[in-house]
Amino acid sequence: VQLVESGGGSVQPGGSLTLSCQASGFGFSRYNLRWFRGKGGRWVASSTSGNGTLYADSVKGRFTVSRDNEKNTIYLQMNNLKPEDAGRYCCNCADVWGQGTQVAVAW
C-alpha cells in the first residue's frame, strides 16, 4: 500500500497549485482519503468513497478536493493561497501516509 504526492512548489500569495496523490496497493474507490498539512497535523480536506467532500473552515471556498477512481488519484486544487497555507501536504488513507509534497507561499 503506497501513497505518493506531487505538485508542490513555491507561489506568491494569491497564487494557485494543484496537488496529486497517487495510490497503489488497495481498492482505492472504496476508501476515504484525506489531505493534511503535516503528517498527522492539521486536517485540510477529505474525499469520501461516495464522492463526497469535506473541508476545514480555513480552506472552504479556496480549495477543492476531487478524485479519479480510474487513475487511483486524488487531487487538491488550491486557489488564492495565503502564507499560512504553507507546509508539507500529506495524503492519508486509514493508517497509511505519503511522504508529502512541500508548498511555500511567500513574496
C-alpha atoms as a PDB file:
ATOM      1  CA  VAL A   1       0.000   0.000   0.000  1.00  0.00           C
ATOM      2  CA  GLN A   2       1.508   3.297  -1.051  1.00  0.00           C
ATOM      3  CA  LEU A   3       0.551   6.953  -1.403  1.00  0.00           C
ATOM      4  CA  VAL A   4       2.746   9.306  -3.422  1.00  0.00           C
ATOM      5  CA  GLU A   5       2.119  13.037  -3.503  1.00  0.00           C
ATOM      6  CA  SER A   6       3.281  15.526  -6.114  1.00  0.00           C
ATOM      7  CA  GLY A   7       2.593  19.029  -7.355  1.00  0.00           C
ATOM      8  CA  GLY A   8       4.014  21.158  -4.577  1.00  0.00           C
ATOM      9  CA  GLY A   9       6.017  24.286  -5.233  1.00  0.00           C
ATOM     10  CA  SER A  10       6.528  27.916  -4.386  1.00  0.00           C
ATOM     11  CA  VAL A  11       3.964  30.581  -5.229  1.00  0.00           C
ATOM     12  CA  GLN A  12       3.169  34.141  -4.249  1.00  0.00           C
ATOM     13  CA  PRO A  13       0.134  34.916  -2.100  1.00  0.00           C
ATOM     14  CA  GLY A  14      -2.990  34.710  -4.246  1.00  0.00           C
ATOM     15  CA  GLY A  15      -1.438  32.041  -6.443  1.00  0.00           C
ATOM     16  CA  SER A  16      -2.640  28.520  -7.175  1.00  0.00           C
ATOM     17  CA  LEU A  17      -1.299  24.991  -7.062  1.00  0.00           C
ATOM     18  CA  THR A  18      -2.767  21.573  -7.740  1.00  0.00           C
ATOM     19  CA  LEU A  19      -1.525  18.650  -5.668  1.00  0.00           C
ATOM     20  CA  SER A  20      -1.921  14.997  -6.625  1.00  0.00           C
ATOM     21  CA  CYS A  21      -1.842  11.822  -4.546  1.00  0.00           C
ATOM     22  CA  GLN A  22      -1.336   8.585  -6.461  1.00  0.00           C
ATOM     23  CA  ALA A  23      -2.447   5.469  -4.566  1.00  0.00           C
ATOM     24  CA  SER A  24      -1.467   1.863  -5.156  1.00  0.00           C
ATOM     25  CA  GLY A  25      -1.899  -1.489  -3.499  1.00  0.00           C
ATOM     26  CA  PHE A  26      -5.500  -1.248  -2.297  1.00  0.00           C
ATOM     27  CA  GLY A  27      -9.079  -0.844  -3.511  1.00  0.00           C
ATOM     28  CA  PHE A  28      -8.908   2.897  -3.903  1.00  0.00           C
ATOM     29  CA  SER A  29     -12.541   3.557  -4.758  1.00  0.00           C
ATOM     30  CA  ARG A  30     -13.790   2.015  -1.504  1.00  0.00           C
ATOM     31  CA  TYR A  31     -11.835   4.306   0.800  1.00  0.00           C
ATOM     32  CA  ASN A  32     -11.997   7.839   2.147  1.00  0.00           C
ATOM     33  CA  LEU A  33      -8.806   9.788   1.547  1.00  0.00           C
ATOM     34  CA  ARG A  34      -7.656  12.906   3.320  1.00  0.00           C
ATOM     35  CA  TRP A  35      -5.207  15.748   2.898  1.00  0.00           C
ATOM     36  CA  PHE A  36      -3.304  17.037   5.913  1.00  0.00           C
ATOM     37  CA  ARG A  37      -0.811  19.796   6.314  1.00  0.00           C
ATOM     38  CA  GLY A  38       1.989  17.922   8.020  1.00  0.00           C
ATOM     39  CA  LYS A  39       1.895  14.187   8.703  1.00  0.00           C
ATOM     40  CA  GLY A  40      -0.644  13.764  11.463  1.00  0.00           C
ATOM     41  CA  GLY A  41      -1.011  17.512  11.554  1.00  0.00           C
ATOM     42  CA  ARG A  42      -3.795  19.855  10.533  1.00  0.00           C
ATOM     43  CA  TRP A  43      -6.583  18.263   8.508  1.00  0.00           C
ATOM     44  CA  VAL A  44      -7.333  20.141   5.277  1.00  0.00           C
ATOM     45  CA  ALA A  45      -9.873  18.211   3.215  1.00  0.00           C
ATOM     46  CA  SER A  46     -11.392  14.783   2.606  1.00  0.00           C
ATOM     47  CA  SER A  47     -12.674  12.875  -0.392  1.00  0.00           C
ATOM     48  CA  THR A  48     -15.124  10.155   0.601  1.00  0.00           C
ATOM     49  CA  SER A  49     -15.759   6.850  -1.116  1.00  0.00           C
ATOM     50  CA  GLY A  50     -19.229   8.132  -2.012  1.00  0.00           C
ATOM     51  CA  ASN A  51     -17.705  11.112  -3.849  1.00  0.00           C
ATOM     52  CA  GLY A  52     -18.466  13.475  -1.014  1.00  0.00           C
ATOM     53  CA  THR A  53     -16.096  16.251   0.026  1.00  0.00           C
ATOM     54  CA  LEU A  54     -15.307  17.891   3.347  1.00  0.00           C
ATOM     55  CA  TYR A  55     -13.146  20.918   4.106  1.00  0.00           C
ATOM     56  CA  ALA A  56     -11.558  22.655   7.037  1.00  0.00           C
ATOM     57  CA  ASP A  57     -13.108  26.072   7.607  1.00  0.00           C
ATOM     58  CA  SER A  58      -9.807  27.765   6.813  1.00  0.00           C
ATOM     59  CA  VAL A  59      -9.818  26.496   3.197  1.00  0.00           C
ATOM     60  CA  LYS A  60     -13.514  26.481   2.303  1.00  0.00           C
ATOM     61  CA  GLY A  61     -14.145  28.376  -0.901  1.00  0.00           C
ATOM     62  CA  ARG A  62     -10.453  28.304  -1.871  1.00  0.00           C
ATOM     63  CA  PHE A  63      -9.533  24.604  -2.055  1.00  0.00           C
ATOM     64  CA  THR A  64     -11.251  21.831  -3.991  1.00  0.00           C
ATOM     65  CA  VAL A  65     -10.639  18.130  -3.457  1.00  0.00           C
ATOM     66  CA  SER A  66     -11.519  15.645  -6.184  1.00  0.00           C
ATOM     67  CA  ARG A  67     -10.750  12.063  -7.099  1.00  0.00           C
ATOM     68  CA  ASP A  68     -10.337   9.942 -10.198  1.00  0.00           C
ATOM     69  CA  ASN A  69     -11.039   6.325  -9.302  1.00  0.00           C
ATOM     70  CA  GLU A  70      -9.826   5.142 -12.721  1.00  0.00           C
ATOM     71  CA  LYS A  71      -6.406   6.651 -12.030  1.00  0.00           C
ATOM     72  CA  ASN A  72      -6.362   5.846  -8.280  1.00  0.00           C
ATOM     73  CA  THR A  73      -5.616   9.503  -7.678  1.00  0.00           C
ATOM     74  CA  ILE A  74      -6.986  12.326  -5.587  1.00  0.00           C
ATOM     75  CA  TYR A  75      -6.277  15.988  -6.207  1.00  0.00           C
ATOM     76  CA  LEU A  76      -6.250  19.169  -4.184  1.00  0.00           C
ATOM     77  CA  GLN A  77      -6.777  22.333  -6.198  1.00  0.00           C
ATOM     78  CA  MET A  78      -5.589  25.252  -4.070  1.00  0.00           C
ATOM     79  CA  ASN A  79      -6.535  28.776  -5.103  1.00  0.00           C
ATOM     80  CA  ASN A  80      -5.930  32.161  -3.508  1.00  0.00           C
ATOM     81  CA  LEU A  81      -3.106  30.719  -1.442  1.00  0.00           C
ATOM     82  CA  LYS A  82      -2.103  32.504   1.751  1.00  0.00           C
ATOM     83  CA  PRO A  83       1.199  32.411   3.654  1.00  0.00           C
ATOM     84  CA  GLU A  84      -0.497  30.405   6.399  1.00  0.00           C
ATOM     85  CA  ASP A  85      -1.278  27.645   3.867  1.00  0.00           C
ATOM     86  CA  ALA A  86       2.424  26.840   3.549  1.00  0.00           C
ATOM     87  CA  GLY A  87       3.624  23.461   4.717  1.00  0.00           C
ATOM     88  CA  ARG A  88       4.117  19.866   3.737  1.00  0.00           C
ATOM     89  CA  TYR A  89       0.868  18.425   2.391  1.00  0.00           C
ATOM     90  CA  CYS A  90       0.403  14.737   3.085  1.00  0.00           C
ATOM     91  CA  CYS A  91      -2.159  12.300   1.758  1.00  0.00           C
ATOM     92  CA  ASN A  92      -3.701   9.812   4.170  1.00  0.00           C
ATOM     93  CA  CYS A  93      -5.851   6.718   3.955  1.00  0.00           C
ATOM     94  CA  ALA A  94      -6.599   4.854   7.204  1.00  0.00           C
ATOM     95  CA  ASP A  95      -3.141   4.398   8.779  1.00  0.00           C
ATOM     96  CA  VAL A  96      -1.180   4.896   5.558  1.00  0.00           C
ATOM     97  CA  TRP A  97       0.621   8.182   4.878  1.00  0.00           C
ATOM     98  CA  GLY A  98       2.510   9.508   1.918  1.00  0.00           C
ATOM     99  CA  GLN A  99       5.797  11.378   2.234  1.00  0.00           C
ATOM    100  CA  GLY A 100       4.159  14.648   1.330  1.00  0.00           C
ATOM    101  CA  THR A 101       4.830  17.500  -1.060  1.00  0.00           C
ATOM    102  CA  GLN A 102       6.052  20.916   0.049  1.00  0.00           C
ATOM    103  CA  VAL A 103       4.081  24.108  -0.527  1.00  0.00           C
ATOM    104  CA  ALA A 104       5.654  27.523   0.018  1.00  0.00           C
ATOM    105  CA  VAL A 105       3.673  30.772  -0.151  1.00  0.00           C
ATOM    106  CA  ALA A 106       5.677  33.979   0.047  1.00  0.00           C
ATOM    107  CA  TRP A 107       6.546  37.162  -1.867  1.00  0.00           C
END
